[in-house]
Amino acid sequence: MAVVTQAIEIVENNPTLKQRVIGALKSGGTEAFKEAINHPVANVLVAAFQGFTEP
């Protein structure tokens, strides 16, 4: 969870990176994003990032 928390903080503090994450989730879908990350915490991280795409 520490890795996920740190990753979320990094993305939230970098507007350009945040927009890239949102764009990747919208265009490629969550499964493609999980494969691109290719890390054991991908499921948790993607679930957290999906919150960025909700209004």
Protein backbone atom coordinates (compact mmCIF):
# COMPACT_ATOMS: atom_id res chain seq x y z
CA MET A 1 0.00 0.00 0.00
CA ALA A 2 2.91 2.35 0.58
CA VAL A 3 3.86 2.09 -3.11
CA VAL A 4 0.29 2.85 -4.16
CA THR A 5 0.04 5.82 -1.80
CA GLN A 6 3.31 7.25 -3.05
CA ALA A 7 2.34 6.75 -6.70
CA ILE A 8 -0.99 8.50 -6.16
CA GLU A 9 0.74 11.44 -4.46
CA ILE A 10 3.21 11.76 -7.32
CA VAL A 11 0.46 11.73 -9.93
CA GLU A 12 -1.76 14.15 -8.01
CA ASN A 13 1.12 16.61 -7.64
CA ASN A 14 2.00 16.52 -11.34
CA PRO A 15 -0.91 17.86 -13.43
CA THR A 16 0.69 16.79 -16.72
CA LEU A 17 1.21 13.23 -15.50
CA LYS A 18 -2.31 13.16 -14.08
CA GLN A 19 -3.76 14.13 -17.46
CA ARG A 20 -1.66 11.44 -19.14
CA VAL A 21 -2.95 8.82 -16.69
CA ILE A 22 -6.54 9.92 -17.26
CA GLY A 23 -6.02 9.85 -21.03
CA ALA A 24 -4.49 6.38 -20.89
CA LEU A 25 -7.37 5.06 -18.80
CA LYS A 26 -9.96 6.56 -21.12
CA SER A 27 -8.37 5.52 -24.40
CA GLY A 28 -6.93 2.14 -23.55
CA GLY A 29 -9.16 0.99 -20.75
CA THR A 30 -8.16 -0.32 -17.38
CA GLU A 31 -6.92 -3.73 -18.51
CA ALA A 32 -4.48 -2.22 -20.99
CA PHE A 33 -3.28 0.22 -18.35
CA LYS A 34 -2.70 -2.64 -15.89
CA GLU A 35 -0.64 -4.48 -18.49
CA ALA A 36 1.35 -1.33 -19.25
CA ILE A 37 2.20 -0.91 -15.57
CA ASN A 38 3.06 -4.62 -15.26
CA HIS A 39 3.43 -4.57 -11.48
CA PRO A 40 1.74 -6.62 -8.73
CA VAL A 41 0.06 -3.53 -7.25
CA ALA A 42 -1.45 -2.55 -10.60
CA ASN A 43 -5.01 -3.56 -9.63
CA VAL A 44 -5.02 -1.35 -6.55
CA LEU A 45 -3.30 1.50 -8.36
CA VAL A 46 -5.67 1.42 -11.32
CA ALA A 47 -8.66 1.39 -8.98
CA ALA A 48 -7.29 4.50 -7.29
CA PHE A 49 -6.56 6.19 -10.62
CA GLN A 50 -10.09 5.49 -11.82
CA GLY A 51 -11.19 8.00 -9.20
CA PHE A 52 -9.40 10.65 -11.28
CA THR A 53 -11.74 10.02 -14.20
CA GLU A 54 -14.91 10.45 -12.18
CA PRO A 55 -16.37 13.96 -11.97
